[in-house]
């Protein structure tokens, strides 16, 4: 039996629909109408009359359990996550609260106010107003939730973010998401629920449809980028002690402290495996606590080159050249005295330079594991490949120094054990100097950054 839809009944149905929406359900209302015959043309204006209400259906697509933690990690990393959905505003806001996208507070409270923008409102919003809406006024301010959005609205929001200089990634699964996926810097289509059109348009396909996987990819990408910088700094630093002997020989006439074969032994031998070890470093504990880098920032930026060449490299050169002259003076040589290149003293002195570079690079590999974290905090034994690289590095040094074949090929000669003490001390001083530099740089950075970094993303 049917009964009339009274105002009280309508209110009860709407309240129930609202209750479902506030619990993050998507709500559908079903109604029917009996027709005597199939009309030739179905028009909304004529068919949606005299309907009999059947009931409400509430559906939920529960988010993955990892999503709240992933969003929290994004927030710490300076990556903004903005919800743009076609759902009812109440449903969108409830989902946003459930996944931690907006605070679980009263919407009207001053600190937790989250505007929910509908598509019709966005149509009445100017570009300047939209830019202001998308620009946070404080670091902890939640972004607006966009509900009942059409494809054109999503495109407009993405375009505005890009005009603001943000790097924008967009996720989508339907045909109507294709324009926004194409417009974004990185379009990410769902691999399970995504349509073929969305997958063909996107730059990346998310195989498990899990937002947390995107965050893991960001973390992995930052780690790879950092690791490239690490082993580049490590290799670049050794160039300074390799070139200083030739500059000194050419400009001030000092004895050549390093031979070409010994330079090749460093570049193609002792440095290889430690550098590979730096390239396989695991993500640092704070990799997702740092703000995003600028679009214009180079892989080998000026600060990195200055640190490698003018700090680490200069210290390595001082260790190597200091060892070279210390050994010569200990054997009675004086400045200006001719030093025959074929003499045992010269061969031993160049071997000291070579050993000084190798030992300094052992310390440098620990220094280059991070440009701001202490080597002790990272752990001395946390990367097995670096340890194997150091063992290989020292083994090559011993083979080149103490075997006849190594002496013949590289122009080296066995060294007395006492010379290793000042060389090791110099290497330790390099590590200590880098630890002091990190501590001072961290303190300076903390004093200059009042935690107001603007995030990148969309």
Protein backbone atom coordinates (compact mmCIF):
# COMPACT_ATOMS: atom_id res chain seq x y z
CA UNK A 1 0.00 0.00 0.00
CA UNK A 2 1.14 3.50 -0.75
CA UNK A 3 0.60 6.50 1.38
CA UNK A 4 0.97 10.20 0.66
CA UNK A 5 4.37 11.86 1.03
CA UNK A 6 3.57 14.32 3.75
CA UNK A 7 5.88 17.09 4.87
CA UNK A 8 6.68 15.15 8.03
CA UNK A 9 7.54 12.05 6.02
CA UNK A 10 9.65 14.10 3.63
CA UNK A 11 11.51 15.60 6.59
CA UNK A 12 12.09 12.14 8.05
CA UNK A 13 13.51 10.84 4.75
CA UNK A 14 15.74 13.88 4.33
CA UNK A 15 16.99 13.59 7.89
CA UNK A 16 17.80 9.93 7.34
CA UNK A 17 19.60 10.79 4.11
CA UNK A 18 21.56 13.48 5.94
CA UNK A 19 22.43 11.03 8.71
CA UNK A 20 23.77 8.55 6.16
CA UNK A 21 25.77 11.29 4.41
CA UNK A 22 27.31 12.46 7.67
CA UNK A 23 28.53 8.89 8.19
CA UNK A 24 30.36 9.00 4.82
CA UNK A 25 27.71 7.01 2.92
CA UNK A 26 26.69 7.77 -0.62
CA UNK A 27 22.91 7.88 -0.68
CA UNK A 28 20.57 7.00 -3.53
CA UNK A 29 16.81 7.52 -3.40
CA UNK A 30 14.67 5.09 -5.39
CA UNK A 31 11.21 5.81 -6.76
CA UNK A 32 8.93 4.26 -9.36
CA UNK A 33 6.04 5.06 -11.61
CA UNK A 34 3.75 2.81 -13.56
CA UNK A 35 3.19 3.74 -17.19
CA UNK A 36 0.52 2.34 -19.43
CA UNK A 37 2.78 2.05 -22.46
CA UNK A 38 6.38 2.72 -23.41
CA UNK A 39 6.67 6.36 -24.43
CA UNK A 40 8.43 7.15 -27.68
CA UNK A 41 10.53 9.85 -26.09
CA UNK A 42 11.53 9.83 -22.42
CA UNK A 43 11.94 13.31 -20.99
CA UNK A 44 12.91 14.09 -17.43
CA UNK A 45 10.28 16.78 -17.11
CA UNK A 46 7.47 14.38 -17.91
CA UNK A 47 8.70 11.08 -16.50
CA UNK A 48 9.68 12.42 -13.06
CA UNK A 49 6.15 13.14 -11.96
CA UNK A 50 3.73 11.18 -9.79
CA UNK A 51 6.55 8.95 -8.53
CA UNK A 52 6.20 6.56 -5.61
CA UNK A 53 9.11 6.74 -3.17
CA UNK A 54 10.55 3.28 -2.46
CA UNK A 55 13.42 3.96 -0.09
CA UNK A 56 17.04 4.96 0.40
CA UNK A 57 20.15 2.95 -0.37
CA UNK A 58 23.35 3.88 1.45
CA UNK A 59 26.67 2.73 -0.01
CA UNK A 60 30.20 3.18 1.18
CA UNK A 61 33.54 2.70 -0.53
CA UNK A 62 35.71 2.46 2.59
CA UNK A 63 39.18 3.99 2.28
CA UNK A 64 42.22 1.80 2.77
CA UNK A 65 43.44 1.62 6.35
CA UNK A 66 46.78 3.14 5.36
CA UNK A 67 45.25 6.33 3.94
CA UNK A 68 45.05 8.41 7.17
CA UNK A 69 48.71 7.74 7.96
CA UNK A 70 49.63 8.46 4.35
CA UNK A 71 47.85 11.82 4.44
CA UNK A 72 49.55 12.69 7.72
CA UNK A 73 52.88 11.83 6.11
CA UNK A 74 52.01 14.05 3.14
CA UNK A 75 51.24 16.93 5.47
CA UNK A 76 54.63 16.57 7.17
CA UNK A 77 56.31 16.41 3.77
CA UNK A 78 54.66 19.62 2.58
CA UNK A 79 52.45 17.82 0.06
CA UNK A 80 48.90 19.15 -0.04
CA UNK A 81 46.07 16.68 -0.60
CA UNK A 82 42.87 18.25 -1.94
CA UNK A 83 39.60 16.31 -2.33
CA UNK A 84 37.64 16.97 -5.53
CA UNK A 85 34.60 14.71 -5.77
CA UNK A 86 31.15 14.46 -7.24
CA UNK A 87 29.69 13.31 -3.92
CA UNK A 88 27.19 15.18 -1.75
CA UNK A 89 28.90 17.86 0.38
CA UNK A 90 28.07 16.09 3.64
CA UNK A 91 29.42 12.78 2.32
CA UNK A 92 32.58 14.47 1.04
CA UNK A 93 33.17 16.21 4.36
CA UNK A 94 32.59 13.00 6.32
CA UNK A 95 35.03 11.06 4.14
CA UNK A 96 37.58 13.87 4.48
CA UNK A 97 37.28 13.68 8.26
CA UNK A 98 37.53 9.89 8.26
CA UNK A 99 40.82 9.90 6.33
CA UNK A 100 42.31 12.78 8.29
CA UNK A 101 42.13 15.29 5.47
CA UNK A 102 40.32 17.79 7.69
CA UNK A 103 40.20 18.04 11.49
CA UNK A 104 37.58 16.04 13.35
CA UNK A 105 36.12 19.14 14.94
CA UNK A 106 33.02 21.23 14.71
CA UNK A 107 32.83 22.75 11.22
CA UNK A 108 31.90 26.12 12.68
CA UNK A 109 34.82 26.35 15.10
CA UNK A 110 37.34 29.02 14.21
CA UNK A 111 40.37 26.73 14.06
CA UNK A 112 38.77 23.76 12.32
CA UNK A 113 36.55 25.54 9.81
CA UNK A 114 36.67 23.73 6.49
CA UNK A 115 34.79 25.30 3.57
CA UNK A 116 32.92 22.81 1.40
CA UNK A 117 32.68 24.23 -2.11
CA UNK A 118 30.04 22.92 -4.50
CA UNK A 119 30.25 23.08 -8.27
CA UNK A 120 27.54 25.71 -8.49
CA UNK A 121 29.47 27.91 -6.05
CA UNK A 122 32.67 27.45 -8.03
CA UNK A 123 30.90 28.70 -11.16
CA UNK A 124 30.23 31.97 -9.33
CA UNK A 125 33.81 32.25 -8.05
CA UNK A 126 36.32 34.40 -9.92
CA UNK A 127 39.83 33.20 -10.71
CA UNK A 128 41.30 35.57 -8.13
CA UNK A 129 38.89 34.36 -5.46
CA UNK A 130 39.75 30.75 -6.29
CA UNK A 131 43.47 31.49 -5.97
CA UNK A 132 42.85 33.05 -2.56
CA UNK A 133 40.77 30.05 -1.57
CA UNK A 134 43.59 27.69 -2.55
CA UNK A 135 46.27 29.73 -0.77
CA UNK A 136 46.57 28.75 2.91
CA UNK A 137 47.04 31.59 5.37
CA UNK A 138 48.74 29.39 7.98
CA UNK A 139 50.63 26.07 7.83
CA UNK A 140 47.96 24.01 9.62
CA UNK A 141 45.01 25.44 7.70
CA UNK A 142 43.02 22.64 6.00
CA UNK A 143 42.27 22.94 2.30
CA UNK A 144 38.67 23.28 1.15
CA UNK A 145 36.69 20.19 0.17
CA UNK A 146 35.25 20.36 -3.33
CA UNK A 147 31.97 18.47 -3.71
CA UNK A 148 29.47 17.91 -6.53
CA UNK A 149 32.16 18.80 -9.02
CA UNK A 150 31.87 18.34 -12.76
CA UNK A 151 34.89 17.56 -14.99
CA UNK A 152 35.18 21.25 -15.97
CA UNK A 153 35.44 22.20 -12.30
CA UNK A 154 38.25 19.72 -11.71
CA UNK A 155 40.07 21.08 -14.75
CA UNK A 156 39.74 24.64 -13.46
CA UNK A 157 41.11 23.75 -10.02
CA UNK A 158 44.07 21.89 -11.54
CA UNK A 159 44.80 24.80 -13.90
CA UNK A 160 44.67 27.28 -11.01
CA UNK A 161 47.09 25.21 -8.95
CA UNK A 162 49.52 25.10 -11.88
CA UNK A 163 49.22 28.86 -12.42
CA UNK A 164 50.16 29.26 -8.75
CA UNK A 165 53.41 27.39 -9.45
CA UNK A 166 52.45 24.15 -7.74
CA UNK A 167 53.43 20.70 -8.98
CA UNK A 168 50.09 18.96 -9.41
CA UNK A 169 49.31 15.27 -9.36
CA UNK A 170 45.75 14.16 -10.09
CA UNK A 171 44.14 10.77 -9.48
CA UNK A 172 41.13 9.55 -11.40
CA UNK A 173 39.41 6.46 -12.72
CA UNK A 174 36.63 7.56 -15.05
CA UNK A 175 36.31 8.93 -18.56
CA UNK A 176 35.32 12.31 -17.11
CA UNK A 177 38.64 12.45 -15.24
CA UNK A 178 40.68 12.25 -18.46
CA UNK A 179 40.95 16.04 -19.09
CA UNK A 180 42.25 16.71 -15.57
CA UNK A 181 44.63 13.74 -15.76
CA UNK A 182 46.08 15.16 -18.97
CA UNK A 183 46.28 18.71 -17.61
CA UNK A 184 48.14 17.73 -14.43
CA UNK A 185 51.92 17.47 -14.16
CA UNK A 186 51.41 13.84 -13.18
CA UNK A 187 48.16 12.07 -14.07
CA UNK A 188 47.59 8.93 -12.00
CA UNK A 189 44.91 6.47 -13.13
CA UNK A 190 43.50 3.66 -11.02
CA UNK A 191 44.70 0.26 -12.20
CA UNK A 192 41.77 -1.79 -10.86
CA UNK A 193 38.74 0.46 -11.22
CA UNK A 194 40.13 2.81 -13.87
CA UNK A 195 38.70 2.94 -17.37
CA UNK A 196 40.83 2.41 -20.46
CA UNK A 197 40.48 6.08 -21.36
CA UNK A 198 41.79 7.17 -17.96
CA UNK A 199 44.71 4.74 -18.16
CA UNK A 200 45.69 5.86 -21.65
CA UNK A 201 45.56 9.53 -20.64
CA UNK A 202 47.47 9.17 -17.38
CA UNK A 203 51.23 9.32 -16.93
CA UNK A 204 51.16 6.62 -14.26
CA UNK A 205 48.86 3.72 -13.35
CA UNK A 206 48.30 2.87 -9.70
CA UNK A 207 48.03 -0.90 -9.75
CA UNK A 208 46.50 -1.37 -6.29
CA UNK A 209 44.24 1.74 -6.28
CA UNK A 210 45.74 2.65 -2.90
CA UNK A 211 46.54 6.29 -2.18
CA UNK A 212 49.21 5.21 0.31
CA UNK A 213 51.17 3.73 -2.60
CA UNK A 214 51.49 7.22 -4.11
CA UNK A 215 52.98 8.48 -0.86
CA UNK A 216 55.42 5.56 -0.82
CA UNK A 217 56.39 6.47 -4.39
CA UNK A 218 57.06 10.07 -3.31
CA UNK A 219 59.26 8.77 -0.49
CA UNK A 220 61.10 6.45 -2.87
CA UNK A 221 61.57 9.24 -5.40
CA UNK A 222 63.02 11.57 -2.78
CA UNK A 223 65.35 8.80 -1.64
CA UNK A 224 66.62 8.10 -5.16
CA UNK A 225 67.18 11.82 -5.75
CA UNK A 226 69.05 12.18 -2.46
CA UNK A 227 71.16 9.09 -3.16
CA UNK A 228 72.27 10.47 -6.53
CA UNK A 229 73.38 13.61 -4.73
CA UNK A 230 75.21 11.57 -2.10
CA UNK A 231 77.38 9.53 -4.43
CA UNK A 232 77.92 12.54 -6.69
CA UNK A 233 79.24 14.53 -3.71
CA UNK A 234 81.42 11.59 -2.70
CA UNK A 235 83.00 11.23 -6.14
CA UNK A 236 83.34 14.98 -6.76
CA UNK A 237 85.13 15.53 -3.45
CA UNK A 238 88.02 13.25 -4.44
CA UNK A 239 88.66 15.36 -7.55
CA UNK A 240 90.22 18.12 -5.45
CA UNK A 241 93.07 16.07 -3.90
CA UNK A 242 93.63 14.56 -7.34
CA UNK A 243 94.04 17.88 -9.12
CA UNK A 244 95.93 19.83 -6.41
CA UNK A 245 99.21 17.90 -6.98
CA UNK A 246 99.14 18.79 -10.68
CA UNK A 247 98.32 22.44 -9.97
CA UNK A 248 101.17 22.62 -7.46
CA UNK A 249 103.53 20.96 -9.90
CA UNK A 250 102.57 23.33 -12.72
CA UNK A 251 102.42 26.63 -10.83
CA UNK A 252 104.91 26.46 -7.97
CA UNK A 253 107.23 23.70 -9.13
CA UNK A 254 106.67 21.31 -6.23
CA UNK A 255 107.25 17.59 -6.84
CA UNK A 256 104.30 15.87 -8.49
CA UNK A 257 102.59 14.19 -5.54
CA UNK A 258 100.34 11.83 -7.51
CA UNK A 259 100.72 9.89 -10.73
CA UNK A 260 98.13 9.32 -13.44
CA UNK A 261 97.84 5.55 -12.73
CA UNK A 262 97.18 6.36 -9.07
CA UNK A 263 94.44 8.81 -10.05
CA UNK A 264 92.83 6.09 -12.16
CA UNK A 265 93.16 3.66 -9.25
CA UNK A 266 91.06 6.02 -7.13
CA UNK A 267 88.45 6.85 -9.76
CA UNK A 268 88.03 3.39 -11.28
CA UNK A 269 88.98 1.26 -8.31
CA UNK A 270 88.73 2.33 -4.71
CA UNK A 271 85.77 4.73 -5.13
CA UNK A 272 83.46 2.46 -7.10
CA UNK A 273 81.80 0.19 -4.51
CA UNK A 274 81.46 2.83 -1.76
CA UNK A 275 79.76 5.08 -4.32
CA UNK A 276 77.39 2.25 -5.25
CA UNK A 277 76.70 1.79 -1.55
CA UNK A 278 75.63 5.43 -1.28
CA UNK A 279 73.33 4.86 -4.26
CA UNK A 280 71.50 2.08 -2.39
CA UNK A 281 70.91 3.96 0.85
CA UNK A 282 67.54 3.37 2.50
CA UNK A 283 65.19 6.34 3.07
CA UNK A 284 66.38 8.56 5.89
CA UNK A 285 64.13 8.88 8.91
CA UNK A 286 63.28 12.49 8.08
CA UNK A 287 62.99 12.21 4.30
CA UNK A 288 59.23 12.88 4.53
CA UNK A 289 59.65 15.64 7.10
CA UNK A 290 61.43 17.96 4.68
CA UNK A 291 59.66 20.45 2.39
CA UNK A 292 59.58 19.77 -1.36
CA UNK A 293 62.41 21.11 -3.43
CA UNK A 294 61.86 23.89 -5.91
CA UNK A 295 61.20 23.17 -9.59
CA UNK A 296 64.30 25.18 -10.47
CA UNK A 297 66.64 23.39 -8.05
CA UNK A 298 69.40 21.52 -9.86
CA UNK A 299 70.53 18.00 -9.05
CA UNK A 300 74.02 19.30 -8.30
CA UNK A 301 73.16 22.66 -6.80
CA UNK A 302 75.67 25.33 -5.81
CA UNK A 303 75.60 24.45 -2.07
CA UNK A 304 76.31 20.79 -2.88
CA UNK A 305 79.22 21.67 -5.17
CA UNK A 306 80.64 24.13 -2.65
CA UNK A 307 80.44 21.50 0.10
CA UNK A 308 82.06 18.85 -2.09
CA UNK A 309 84.79 20.98 -3.66
CA UNK A 310 85.60 23.71 -1.16
CA UNK A 311 84.97 21.86 2.10
CA UNK A 312 85.30 18.09 1.85
CA UNK A 313 87.64 18.22 -1.13
CA UNK A 314 89.93 20.83 0.42
CA UNK A 315 90.21 18.81 3.63
CA UNK A 316 91.03 15.68 1.62
CA UNK A 317 93.68 17.60 -0.30
CA UNK A 318 95.16 18.85 2.98
CA UNK A 319 95.32 15.29 4.35
CA UNK A 320 96.92 13.89 1.19
CA UNK A 321 99.39 16.72 0.59
CA UNK A 322 100.19 16.98 4.30
CA UNK A 323 101.07 13.29 4.33
CA UNK A 324 103.17 13.70 1.18
CA UNK A 325 105.35 16.47 2.60
CA UNK A 326 105.44 14.97 6.10
CA UNK A 327 106.92 11.79 4.70
CA UNK A 328 109.42 13.65 2.50
CA UNK A 329 110.64 15.83 5.36
CA UNK A 330 110.88 12.81 7.65
CA UNK A 331 113.28 11.26 5.15
CA UNK A 332 115.55 14.32 5.03
CA UNK A 333 114.18 15.97 1.90
CA UNK A 334 114.10 19.79 1.84
CA UNK A 335 112.16 22.18 -0.33
CA UNK A 336 113.94 22.88 -3.61
CA UNK A 337 115.90 19.64 -3.58
CA UNK A 338 115.54 17.70 -6.83
CA UNK A 339 113.46 14.56 -6.42
CA UNK A 340 114.05 11.91 -9.07
CA UNK A 341 110.80 10.37 -10.26
CA UNK A 342 112.38 6.93 -10.36
CA UNK A 343 113.80 7.12 -6.84
CA UNK A 344 112.36 4.92 -4.05
CA UNK A 345 111.69 8.05 -1.96
CA UNK A 346 109.52 9.60 -4.67
CA UNK A 347 107.59 6.37 -5.19
CA UNK A 348 106.96 6.08 -1.46
CA UNK A 349 105.91 9.74 -1.21
CA UNK A 350 103.34 9.42 -4.02
CA UNK A 351 102.08 6.24 -2.36
CA UNK A 352 101.50 8.28 0.81
CA UNK A 353 99.41 10.75 -1.22
CA UNK A 354 97.43 7.90 -2.73
CA UNK A 355 96.88 6.32 0.69
CA UNK A 356 95.83 9.68 2.11
CA UNK A 357 93.14 10.09 -0.55
CA UNK A 358 91.84 6.55 -0.02
CA UNK A 359 91.67 6.91 3.78
CA UNK A 360 90.05 10.34 3.48
CA UNK A 361 87.46 8.83 1.15
CA UNK A 362 86.71 6.17 3.77
CA UNK A 363 85.75 8.97 6.15
CA UNK A 364 84.04 10.87 3.35
CA UNK A 365 81.66 8.02 2.55
CA UNK A 366 80.23 8.33 6.06
CA UNK A 367 80.14 12.11 5.77
CA UNK A 368 78.22 11.95 2.46
CA UNK A 369 75.47 9.65 3.74
CA UNK A 370 73.56 12.78 4.69
CA UNK A 371 74.09 16.51 4.35
CA UNK A 372 72.33 17.24 7.65
CA UNK A 373 72.09 14.06 9.76
CA UNK A 374 74.97 12.90 11.93
CA UNK A 375 76.85 9.80 10.79
CA UNK A 376 76.38 8.33 14.26
CA UNK A 377 72.61 8.83 14.04
CA UNK A 378 72.50 7.01 10.71
CA UNK A 379 74.45 4.09 12.16
CA UNK A 380 77.96 3.02 11.25
CA UNK A 381 76.91 -0.48 10.16
CA UNK A 382 73.44 0.17 8.72
CA UNK A 383 74.50 -0.14 5.06
CA UNK A 384 76.32 -3.45 4.38
CA UNK A 385 77.32 -2.45 0.85
CA UNK A 386 79.21 0.57 2.16
CA UNK A 387 81.04 -1.67 4.63
CA UNK A 388 81.96 -4.09 1.85
CA UNK A 389 83.02 -1.10 -0.23
CA UNK A 390 85.36 0.10 2.52
CA UNK A 391 86.84 -3.38 2.88
CA UNK A 392 87.36 -3.51 -0.90
CA UNK A 393 88.81 0.00 -0.89
CA UNK A 394 91.36 -0.83 1.78
CA UNK A 395 92.17 -4.16 0.13
CA UNK A 396 92.94 -2.40 -3.16
CA UNK A 397 95.14 0.04 -1.24
CA UNK A 398 97.08 -2.84 0.31
CA UNK A 399 97.45 -4.66 -3.02
CA UNK A 400 98.70 -1.56 -4.81
CA UNK A 401 101.06 -0.67 -1.95
CA UNK A 402 102.50 -4.00 -0.87
CA UNK A 403 102.53 -6.28 -3.92
CA UNK A 404 105.21 -6.25 -6.62
CA UNK A 405 102.59 -6.20 -9.37
CA UNK A 406 100.83 -3.23 -7.80
CA UNK A 407 104.16 -1.42 -7.33
CA UNK A 408 105.08 -1.99 -10.97
CA UNK A 409 101.76 -0.91 -12.49
CA UNK A 410 101.00 2.10 -10.28
CA UNK A 411 104.50 3.31 -9.46
CA UNK A 412 104.07 2.72 -5.72
CA UNK A 413 106.32 1.41 -2.99
CA UNK A 414 105.67 -0.20 0.43
CA UNK A 415 105.13 2.28 3.27
CA UNK A 416 106.24 2.17 6.89
CA UNK A 417 103.33 1.66 9.28
CA UNK A 418 103.91 4.89 11.21
CA UNK A 419 102.78 7.06 8.28
CA UNK A 420 99.26 5.66 8.54
CA UNK A 421 98.74 7.29 11.94
CA UNK A 422 98.72 10.91 10.67
CA UNK A 423 96.73 9.88 7.60
CA UNK A 424 94.04 8.20 9.70
CA UNK A 425 94.03 11.19 12.05
CA UNK A 426 93.48 13.49 9.08
CA UNK A 427 90.60 11.33 7.84
CA UNK A 428 88.99 11.46 11.28
CA UNK A 429 89.41 15.23 11.30
CA UNK A 430 87.49 15.37 8.00
CA UNK A 431 84.61 13.46 9.56
CA UNK A 432 84.70 15.63 12.69
CA UNK A 433 84.72 18.83 10.63
CA UNK A 434 81.71 17.62 8.64
CA UNK A 435 79.83 16.76 11.83
CA UNK A 436 80.47 20.27 13.15
CA UNK A 437 79.34 21.78 9.84
CA UNK A 438 76.10 19.76 9.95
CA UNK A 439 75.37 20.84 13.52
CA UNK A 440 75.95 24.52 12.72
CA UNK A 441 73.94 24.31 9.48
CA UNK A 442 71.02 22.64 11.24
CA UNK A 443 71.01 25.27 13.97
CA UNK A 444 71.13 28.07 11.40
CA UNK A 445 68.35 26.47 9.34
CA UNK A 446 66.10 26.09 12.38
CA UNK A 447 66.60 29.72 13.33
CA UNK A 448 65.68 30.89 9.82
CA UNK A 449 62.68 28.62 9.20
CA UNK A 450 59.66 29.43 11.39
CA UNK A 451 57.88 26.32 10.07
CA UNK A 452 55.92 28.14 7.39
CA UNK A 453 56.97 26.16 4.34
CA UNK A 454 54.42 26.17 1.53
CA UNK A 455 53.58 22.66 0.32
CA UNK A 456 53.65 21.48 -3.26
CA UNK A 457 51.15 19.10 -4.80
CA UNK A 458 47.50 18.77 -5.60
